[in-house]
């Protein structure tokens, strides 16, 4: 079941997110949903260690930690993650 969520954010942050989403060919809803899906189920739990490097960086950025990854780093991490998921 889908439900609406309204977020109140600074206009500059929204514009930055829109530019990023367009560049990466995803909707803002998809980006937010992916982030929320990676949150721990209960307070005090760590996020799953199976997170891709990109998602771990995204979580860190949302918490105000670390630097924003460059596009090449994101691409490389994504490819590494895909390759790791292909191994049995």
PDB file of N, CA and C in Angstrom:
ATOM      1  N   UNK A   1       0.831  -1.162   0.000  1.00  0.00           N
ATOM      2  CA  UNK A   1       0.000   0.000   0.000  1.00  0.00           C
ATOM      3  C   UNK A   1       0.892   1.247   0.000  1.00  0.00           C
ATOM      4  N   UNK A   2       0.582   2.187  -0.823  1.00  0.00           N
ATOM      5  CA  UNK A   2       1.329   3.438  -0.901  1.00  0.00           C
ATOM      6  C   UNK A   2       0.585   4.530  -0.141  1.00  0.00           C
ATOM      7  N   UNK A   3       1.339   5.436   0.442  1.00  0.00           N
ATOM      8  CA  UNK A   3       0.773   6.592   1.131  1.00  0.00           C
ATOM      9  C   UNK A   3       1.620   7.809   0.796  1.00  0.00           C
ATOM     10  N   UNK A   4       1.032   8.975   0.895  1.00  0.00           N
ATOM     11  CA  UNK A   4       1.764  10.211   0.621  1.00  0.00           C
ATOM     12  C   UNK A   4       2.555  10.630   1.845  1.00  0.00           C
ATOM     13  N   UNK A   5       3.668  11.299   1.589  1.00  0.00           N
ATOM     14  CA  UNK A   5       4.504  11.853   2.649  1.00  0.00           C
ATOM     15  C   UNK A   5       4.891  13.259   2.227  1.00  0.00           C
ATOM     16  N   UNK A   6       4.652  14.214   3.077  1.00  0.00           N
ATOM     17  CA  UNK A   6       5.024  15.589   2.788  1.00  0.00           C
ATOM     18  C   UNK A   6       6.224  15.947   3.645  1.00  0.00           C
ATOM     19  N   UNK A   7       7.264  16.447   3.002  1.00  0.00           N
ATOM     20  CA  UNK A   7       8.472  16.861   3.718  1.00  0.00           C
ATOM     21  C   UNK A   7       8.607  18.375   3.607  1.00  0.00           C
ATOM     22  N   UNK A   8       9.032  18.999   4.671  1.00  0.00           N
ATOM     23  CA  UNK A   8       9.279  20.436   4.668  1.00  0.00           C
ATOM     24  C   UNK A   8      10.790  20.621   4.777  1.00  0.00           C
ATOM     25  N   UNK A   9      11.404  21.053   3.655  1.00  0.00           N
ATOM     26  CA  UNK A   9      12.852  21.203   3.572  1.00  0.00           C
ATOM     27  C   UNK A   9      13.194  22.567   2.996  1.00  0.00           C
ATOM     28  N   UNK A  10      14.441  22.975   3.174  1.00  0.00           N
ATOM     29  CA  UNK A  10      14.891  24.221   2.579  1.00  0.00           C
ATOM     30  C   UNK A  10      14.834  24.107   1.056  1.00  0.00           C
ATOM     31  N   UNK A  11      14.460  25.197   0.413  1.00  0.00           N
ATOM     32  CA  UNK A  11      14.292  25.201  -1.046  1.00  0.00           C
ATOM     33  C   UNK A  11      15.576  24.802  -1.760  1.00  0.00           C
ATOM     34  N   UNK A  12      16.727  25.235  -1.255  1.00  0.00           N
ATOM     35  CA  UNK A  12      17.994  24.897  -1.914  1.00  0.00           C
ATOM     36  C   UNK A  12      18.275  23.400  -1.837  1.00  0.00           C
ATOM     37  N   UNK A  13      17.897  22.783  -0.737  1.00  0.00           N
ATOM     38  CA  UNK A  13      18.088  21.336  -0.595  1.00  0.00           C
ATOM     39  C   UNK A  13      17.181  20.575  -1.552  1.00  0.00           C
ATOM     40  N   UNK A  14      15.958  21.042  -1.694  1.00  0.00           N
ATOM     41  CA  UNK A  14      15.023  20.396  -2.616  1.00  0.00           C
ATOM     42  C   UNK A  14      15.546  20.497  -4.044  1.00  0.00           C
ATOM     43  N   UNK A  15      16.014  21.670  -4.424  1.00  0.00           N
ATOM     44  CA  UNK A  15      16.538  21.847  -5.783  1.00  0.00           C
ATOM     45  C   UNK A  15      17.753  20.959  -6.018  1.00  0.00           C
ATOM     46  N   UNK A  16      18.627  20.877  -5.037  1.00  0.00           N
ATOM     47  CA  UNK A  16      19.813  20.015  -5.136  1.00  0.00           C
ATOM     48  C   UNK A  16      19.395  18.556  -5.316  1.00  0.00           C
ATOM     49  N   UNK A  17      18.390  18.137  -4.558  1.00  0.00           N
ATOM     50  CA  UNK A  17      17.907  16.758  -4.653  1.00  0.00           C
ATOM     51  C   UNK A  17      17.290  16.486  -6.027  1.00  0.00           C
ATOM     52  N   UNK A  18      16.559  17.456  -6.559  1.00  0.00           N
ATOM     53  CA  UNK A  18      15.953  17.291  -7.881  1.00  0.00           C
ATOM     54  C   UNK A  18      17.018  17.142  -8.962  1.00  0.00           C
ATOM     55  N   UNK A  19      18.050  17.967  -8.885  1.00  0.00           N
ATOM     56  CA  UNK A  19      19.142  17.896  -9.864  1.00  0.00           C
ATOM     57  C   UNK A  19      19.818  16.531  -9.771  1.00  0.00           C
ATOM     58  N   UNK A  20      20.097  16.073  -8.544  1.00  0.00           N
ATOM     59  CA  UNK A  20      20.749  14.771  -8.347  1.00  0.00           C
ATOM     60  C   UNK A  20      19.871  13.649  -8.906  1.00  0.00           C
ATOM     61  N   UNK A  21      18.585  13.686  -8.581  1.00  0.00           N
ATOM     62  CA  UNK A  21      17.673  12.631  -9.032  1.00  0.00           C
ATOM     63  C   UNK A  21      17.594  12.579 -10.552  1.00  0.00           C
ATOM     64  N   UNK A  22      17.507  13.735 -11.172  1.00  0.00           N
ATOM     65  CA  UNK A  22      17.442  13.766 -12.636  1.00  0.00           C
ATOM     66  C   UNK A  22      18.723  13.214 -13.242  1.00  0.00           C
ATOM     67  N   UNK A  23      19.853  13.616 -12.675  1.00  0.00           N
ATOM     68  CA  UNK A  23      21.153  13.149 -13.176  1.00  0.00           C
ATOM     69  C   UNK A  23      21.292  11.635 -13.052  1.00  0.00           C
ATOM     70  N   UNK A  24      20.706  11.060 -12.002  1.00  0.00           N
ATOM     71  CA  UNK A  24      20.817   9.620 -11.761  1.00  0.00           C
ATOM     72  C   UNK A  24      19.588   8.843 -12.230  1.00  0.00           C
ATOM     73  N   UNK A  25      18.687   9.556 -12.939  1.00  0.00           N
ATOM     74  CA  UNK A  25      17.520   8.925 -13.538  1.00  0.00           C
ATOM     75  C   UNK A  25      16.651   8.162 -12.528  1.00  0.00           C
ATOM     76  N   UNK A  26      16.425   8.790 -11.383  1.00  0.00           N
ATOM     77  CA  UNK A  26      15.524   8.239 -10.374  1.00  0.00           C
ATOM     78  C   UNK A  26      14.596   9.353  -9.908  1.00  0.00           C
ATOM     79  N   UNK A  27      13.462   8.980  -9.400  1.00  0.00           N
ATOM     80  CA  UNK A  27      12.557   9.985  -8.836  1.00  0.00           C
ATOM     81  C   UNK A  27      12.982  10.273  -7.400  1.00  0.00           C
ATOM     82  N   UNK A  28      12.562  11.413  -6.895  1.00  0.00           N
ATOM     83  CA  UNK A  28      12.845  11.719  -5.490  1.00  0.00           C
ATOM     84  C   UNK A  28      12.174  10.700  -4.586  1.00  0.00           C
ATOM     85  N   UNK A  29      10.995  10.261  -4.965  1.00  0.00           N
ATOM     86  CA  UNK A  29      10.301   9.240  -4.171  1.00  0.00           C
ATOM     87  C   UNK A  29      11.120   7.959  -4.090  1.00  0.00           C
ATOM     88  N   UNK A  30      11.708   7.551  -5.223  1.00  0.00           N
ATOM     89  CA  UNK A  30      12.539   6.340  -5.223  1.00  0.00           C
ATOM     90  C   UNK A  30      13.759   6.511  -4.325  1.00  0.00           C
ATOM     91  N   UNK A  31      14.405   7.677  -4.400  1.00  0.00           N
ATOM     92  CA  UNK A  31      15.598   7.926  -3.595  1.00  0.00           C
ATOM     93  C   UNK A  31      15.261   7.911  -2.114  1.00  0.00           C
ATOM     94  N   UNK A  32      14.174   8.571  -1.732  1.00  0.00           N
ATOM     95  CA  UNK A  32      13.767   8.608  -0.326  1.00  0.00           C
ATOM     96  C   UNK A  32      13.345   7.212   0.141  1.00  0.00           C
ATOM     97  N   UNK A  33      12.606   6.499  -0.691  1.00  0.00           N
ATOM     98  CA  UNK A  33      12.168   5.142  -0.323  1.00  0.00           C
ATOM     99  C   UNK A  33      13.364   4.222  -0.107  1.00  0.00           C
ATOM    100  N   UNK A  34      14.378   4.324  -0.977  1.00  0.00           N
ATOM    101  CA  UNK A  34      15.582   3.499  -0.826  1.00  0.00           C
ATOM    102  C   UNK A  34      16.291   3.822   0.487  1.00  0.00           C
ATOM    103  N   UNK A  35      16.374   5.103   0.797  1.00  0.00           N
ATOM    104  CA  UNK A  35      16.999   5.503   2.046  1.00  0.00           C
ATOM    105  C   UNK A  35      16.215   4.952   3.239  1.00  0.00           C
ATOM    106  N   UNK A  36      14.896   5.153   3.245  1.00  0.00           N
ATOM    107  CA  UNK A  36      14.071   4.678   4.351  1.00  0.00           C
ATOM    108  C   UNK A  36      14.130   3.152   4.483  1.00  0.00           C
ATOM    109  N   UNK A  37      14.210   2.453   3.371  1.00  0.00           N
ATOM    110  CA  UNK A  37      14.255   0.984   3.407  1.00  0.00           C
ATOM    111  C   UNK A  37      15.506   0.476   4.115  1.00  0.00           C
ATOM    112  N   UNK A  38      16.555   1.291   4.127  1.00  0.00           N
ATOM    113  CA  UNK A  38      17.809   0.866   4.736  1.00  0.00           C
ATOM    114  C   UNK A  38      17.913   1.228   6.217  1.00  0.00           C
ATOM    115  N   UNK A  39      16.925   1.917   6.760  1.00  0.00           N
ATOM    116  CA  UNK A  39      16.961   2.286   8.170  1.00  0.00           C
ATOM    117  C   UNK A  39      16.751   1.048   9.032  1.00  0.00           C
ATOM    118  N   UNK A  40      17.366   1.016  10.215  1.00  0.00           N
ATOM    119  CA  UNK A  40      17.184  -0.137  11.106  1.00  0.00           C
ATOM    120  C   UNK A  40      15.735  -0.222  11.581  1.00  0.00           C
ATOM    121  N   UNK A  41      15.309  -1.425  11.906  1.00  0.00           N
ATOM    122  CA  UNK A  41      13.933  -1.657  12.333  1.00  0.00           C
ATOM    123  C   UNK A  41      13.642  -1.068  13.714  1.00  0.00           C
ATOM    124  N   UNK A  42      14.620  -1.167  14.637  1.00  0.00           N
ATOM    125  CA  UNK A  42      14.410  -0.718  16.017  1.00  0.00           C
ATOM    126  C   UNK A  42      15.470   0.293  16.413  1.00  0.00           C
ATOM    127  N   UNK A  43      15.127   1.145  17.367  1.00  0.00           N
ATOM    128  CA  UNK A  43      16.090   2.115  17.871  1.00  0.00           C
ATOM    129  C   UNK A  43      17.313   1.396  18.422  1.00  0.00           C
ATOM    130  N   UNK A  44      18.465   1.980  18.177  1.00  0.00           N
ATOM    131  CA  UNK A  44      19.698   1.410  18.705  1.00  0.00           C
ATOM    132  C   UNK A  44      20.320   0.347  17.830  1.00  0.00           C
ATOM    133  N   UNK A  45      19.574  -0.169  16.864  1.00  0.00           N
ATOM    134  CA  UNK A  45      20.148  -1.162  15.959  1.00  0.00           C
ATOM    135  C   UNK A  45      20.962  -0.455  14.896  1.00  0.00           C
ATOM    136  N   UNK A  46      21.988  -1.112  14.455  1.00  0.00           N
ATOM    137  CA  UNK A  46      22.776  -0.583  13.344  1.00  0.00           C
ATOM    138  C   UNK A  46      22.086  -0.921  12.039  1.00  0.00           C
ATOM    139  N   UNK A  47      22.384  -0.097  11.034  1.00  0.00           N
ATOM    140  CA  UNK A  47      21.883  -0.411   9.704  1.00  0.00           C
ATOM    141  C   UNK A  47      22.510  -1.730   9.257  1.00  0.00           C
ATOM    142  N   UNK A  48      21.828  -2.489   8.424  1.00  0.00           N
ATOM    143  CA  UNK A  48      22.362  -3.782   7.969  1.00  0.00           C
ATOM    144  C   UNK A  48      23.749  -3.634   7.339  1.00  0.00           C
ATOM    145  N   UNK A  49      24.634  -4.563   7.663  1.00  0.00           N
ATOM    146  CA  UNK A  49      25.994  -4.506   7.120  1.00  0.00           C
ATOM    147  C   UNK A  49      26.016  -4.851   5.635  1.00  0.00           C
ATOM    148  N   UNK A  50      24.904  -5.337   5.120  1.00  0.00           N
ATOM    149  CA  UNK A  50      24.854  -5.704   3.709  1.00  0.00           C
ATOM    150  C   UNK A  50      24.579  -4.501   2.809  1.00  0.00           C
ATOM    151  N   UNK A  51      24.562  -3.297   3.376  1.00  0.00           N
ATOM    152  CA  UNK A  51      24.330  -2.113   2.559  1.00  0.00           C
ATOM    153  C   UNK A  51      25.455  -1.939   1.558  1.00  0.00           C
ATOM    154  N   UNK A  52      25.093  -1.463   0.389  1.00  0.00           N
ATOM    155  CA  UNK A  52      26.124  -1.177  -0.605  1.00  0.00           C
ATOM    156  C   UNK A  52      26.958   0.001  -0.114  1.00  0.00           C
ATOM    157  N   UNK A  53      28.189   0.126  -0.608  1.00  0.00           N
ATOM    158  CA  UNK A  53      29.017   1.267  -0.202  1.00  0.00           C
ATOM    159  C   UNK A  53      28.335   2.597  -0.476  1.00  0.00           C
ATOM    160  N   UNK A  54      27.630   2.699  -1.589  1.00  0.00           N
ATOM    161  CA  UNK A  54      26.938   3.941  -1.917  1.00  0.00           C
ATOM    162  C   UNK A  54      25.870   4.263  -0.882  1.00  0.00           C
ATOM    163  N   UNK A  55      25.089   3.252  -0.483  1.00  0.00           N
ATOM    164  CA  UNK A  55      24.039   3.477   0.498  1.00  0.00           C
ATOM    165  C   UNK A  55      24.631   3.849   1.849  1.00  0.00           C
ATOM    166  N   UNK A  56      25.746   3.203   2.227  1.00  0.00           N
ATOM    167  CA  UNK A  56      26.405   3.566   3.489  1.00  0.00           C
ATOM    168  C   UNK A  56      26.845   5.021   3.459  1.00  0.00           C
ATOM    169  N   UNK A  57      27.366   5.484   2.317  1.00  0.00           N
ATOM    170  CA  UNK A  57      27.757   6.888   2.198  1.00  0.00           C
ATOM    171  C   UNK A  57      26.544   7.801   2.273  1.00  0.00           C
ATOM    172  N   UNK A  58      25.452   7.393   1.637  1.00  0.00           N
ATOM    173  CA  UNK A  58      24.237   8.194   1.655  1.00  0.00           C
ATOM    174  C   UNK A  58      23.726   8.335   3.085  1.00  0.00           C
ATOM    175  N   UNK A  59      23.731   7.252   3.831  1.00  0.00           N
ATOM    176  CA  UNK A  59      23.304   7.297   5.224  1.00  0.00           C
ATOM    177  C   UNK A  59      24.226   8.228   6.007  1.00  0.00           C
ATOM    178  N   UNK A  60      25.524   8.135   5.768  1.00  0.00           N
ATOM    179  CA  UNK A  60      26.472   9.014   6.452  1.00  0.00           C
ATOM    180  C   UNK A  60      26.252  10.468   6.104  1.00  0.00           C
ATOM    181  N   UNK A  61      25.967  10.767   4.847  1.00  0.00           N
ATOM    182  CA  UNK A  61      25.720  12.147   4.436  1.00  0.00           C
ATOM    183  C   UNK A  61      24.461  12.680   5.103  1.00  0.00           C
ATOM    184  N   UNK A  62      23.435  11.850   5.192  1.00  0.00           N
ATOM    185  CA  UNK A  62      22.187  12.287   5.810  1.00  0.00           C
ATOM    186  C   UNK A  62      22.405  12.597   7.287  1.00  0.00           C
ATOM    187  N   UNK A  63      23.355  11.901   7.889  1.00  0.00           N
ATOM    188  CA  UNK A  63      23.664  12.143   9.299  1.00  0.00           C
ATOM    189  C   UNK A  63      24.673  13.273   9.461  1.00  0.00           C
ATOM    190  N   UNK A  64      25.120  13.847   8.345  1.00  0.00           N
ATOM    191  CA  UNK A  64      26.073  14.952   8.409  1.00  0.00           C
ATOM    192  C   UNK A  64      27.509  14.510   8.525  1.00  0.00           C
ATOM    193  N   UNK A  65      27.801  13.290   8.123  1.00  0.00           N
ATOM    194  CA  UNK A  65      29.157  12.749   8.215  1.00  0.00           C
ATOM    195  C   UNK A  65      29.725  12.531   6.823  1.00  0.00           C
ATOM    196  N   UNK A  66      31.008  12.644   6.695  1.00  0.00           N
ATOM    197  CA  UNK A  66      31.676  12.285   5.452  1.00  0.00           C
ATOM    198  C   UNK A  66      31.464  13.281   4.333  1.00  0.00           C
ATOM    199  N   UNK A  67      32.106  12.976   3.223  1.00  0.00           N
ATOM    200  CA  UNK A  67      32.018  13.843   2.059  1.00  0.00           C
ATOM    201  C   UNK A  67      31.059  13.242   1.046  1.00  0.00           C
ATOM    202  N   UNK A  68      30.553  14.071   0.191  1.00  0.00           N
ATOM    203  CA  UNK A  68      29.678  13.608  -0.873  1.00  0.00           C
ATOM    204  C   UNK A  68      30.514  12.864  -1.904  1.00  0.00           C
ATOM    205  N   UNK A  69      30.116  11.629  -2.258  1.00  0.00           N
ATOM    206  CA  UNK A  69      30.915  10.880  -3.226  1.00  0.00           C
ATOM    207  C   UNK A  69      30.847  11.499  -4.617  1.00  0.00           C
ATOM    208  N   UNK A  70      31.936  11.397  -5.334  1.00  0.00           N
ATOM    209  CA  UNK A  70      31.983  11.851  -6.725  1.00  0.00           C
ATOM    210  C   UNK A  70      31.228  10.848  -7.592  1.00  0.00           C
ATOM    211  N   UNK A  71      30.770  11.288  -8.754  1.00  0.00           N
ATOM    212  CA  UNK A  71      30.009  10.410  -9.645  1.00  0.00           C
ATOM    213  C   UNK A  71      30.777   9.136  -9.988  1.00  0.00           C
ATOM    214  N   UNK A  72      32.075   9.270 -10.221  1.00  0.00           N
ATOM    215  CA  UNK A  72      32.877   8.099 -10.577  1.00  0.00           C
ATOM    216  C   UNK A  72      32.920   7.098  -9.419  1.00  0.00           C
ATOM    217  N   UNK A  73      32.991   7.596  -8.188  1.00  0.00           N
ATOM    218  CA  UNK A  73      32.988   6.705  -7.027  1.00  0.00           C
ATOM    219  C   UNK A  73      31.655   5.971  -6.929  1.00  0.00           C
ATOM    220  N   UNK A  74      30.571   6.688  -7.143  1.00  0.00           N
ATOM    221  CA  UNK A  74      29.240   6.079  -7.086  1.00  0.00           C
ATOM    222  C   UNK A  74      29.118   5.004  -8.155  1.00  0.00           C
ATOM    223  N   UNK A  75      29.564   5.308  -9.376  1.00  0.00           N
ATOM    224  CA  UNK A  75      29.498   4.343 -10.473  1.00  0.00           C
ATOM    225  C   UNK A  75      30.313   3.096 -10.141  1.00  0.00           C
ATOM    226  N   UNK A  76      31.528   3.306  -9.641  1.00  0.00           N
ATOM    227  CA  UNK A  76      32.401   2.184  -9.298  1.00  0.00           C
ATOM    228  C   UNK A  76      31.791   1.322  -8.183  1.00  0.00           C
ATOM    229  N   UNK A  77      31.259   1.971  -7.144  1.00  0.00           N
ATOM    230  CA  UNK A  77      30.631   1.237  -6.047  1.00  0.00           C
ATOM    231  C   UNK A  77      29.405   0.459  -6.527  1.00  0.00           C
ATOM    232  N   UNK A  78      28.647   1.075  -7.421  1.00  0.00           N
ATOM    233  CA  UNK A  78      27.460   0.415  -7.954  1.00  0.00           C
ATOM    234  C   UNK A  78      27.850  -0.835  -8.734  1.00  0.00           C
ATOM    235  N   UNK A  79      28.859  -0.719  -9.578  1.00  0.00           N
ATOM    236  CA  UNK A  79      29.326  -1.866 -10.366  1.00  0.00           C
ATOM    237  C   UNK A  79      29.862  -2.956  -9.442  1.00  0.00           C
ATOM    238  N   UNK A  80      30.639  -2.571  -8.428  1.00  0.00           N
ATOM    239  CA  UNK A  80      31.152  -3.548  -7.464  1.00  0.00           C
ATOM    240  C   UNK A  80      30.010  -4.270  -6.763  1.00  0.00           C
ATOM    241  N   UNK A  81      28.977  -3.520  -6.387  1.00  0.00           N
ATOM    242  CA  UNK A  81      27.825  -4.118  -5.718  1.00  0.00           C
ATOM    243  C   UNK A  81      27.104  -5.099  -6.635  1.00  0.00           C
ATOM    244  N   UNK A  82      26.925  -4.715  -7.900  1.00  0.00           N
ATOM    245  CA  UNK A  82      26.279  -5.621  -8.859  1.00  0.00           C
ATOM    246  C   UNK A  82      27.105  -6.900  -9.035  1.00  0.00           C
ATOM    247  N   UNK A  83      28.404  -6.745  -9.146  1.00  0.00           N
ATOM    248  CA  UNK A  83      29.267  -7.910  -9.318  1.00  0.00           C
ATOM    249  C   UNK A  83      29.218  -8.811  -8.095  1.00  0.00           C
ATOM    250  N   UNK A  84      29.186  -8.220  -6.910  1.00  0.00           N
ATOM    251  CA  UNK A  84      29.130  -9.013  -5.676  1.00  0.00           C
ATOM    252  C   UNK A  84      27.810  -9.783  -5.582  1.00  0.00           C
ATOM    253  N   UNK A  85      26.728  -9.188  -6.050  1.00  0.00           N
ATOM    254  CA  UNK A  85      25.424  -9.853  -6.003  1.00  0.00           C
ATOM    255  C   UNK A  85      25.307 -10.973  -7.035  1.00  0.00           C
ATOM    256  N   UNK A  86      26.161 -10.967  -8.054  1.00  0.00           N
ATOM    257  CA  UNK A  86      26.130 -12.017  -9.066  1.00  0.00           C
ATOM    258  C   UNK A  86      26.856 -13.275  -8.613  1.00  0.00           C
ATOM    259  N   UNK A  87      27.680 -13.135  -7.587  1.00  0.00           N
ATOM    260  CA  UNK A  87      28.402 -14.310  -7.084  1.00  0.00           C
ATOM    261  C   UNK A  87      27.491 -15.141  -6.204  1.00  0.00           C
ATOM    262  N   UNK A  88      27.637 -16.417  -6.288  1.00  0.00           N
ATOM    263  CA  UNK A  88      26.800 -17.308  -5.471  1.00  0.00           C
ATOM    264  C   UNK A  88      27.609 -17.912  -4.413  1.00  0.00           C
TER     265      UNK A  88
END
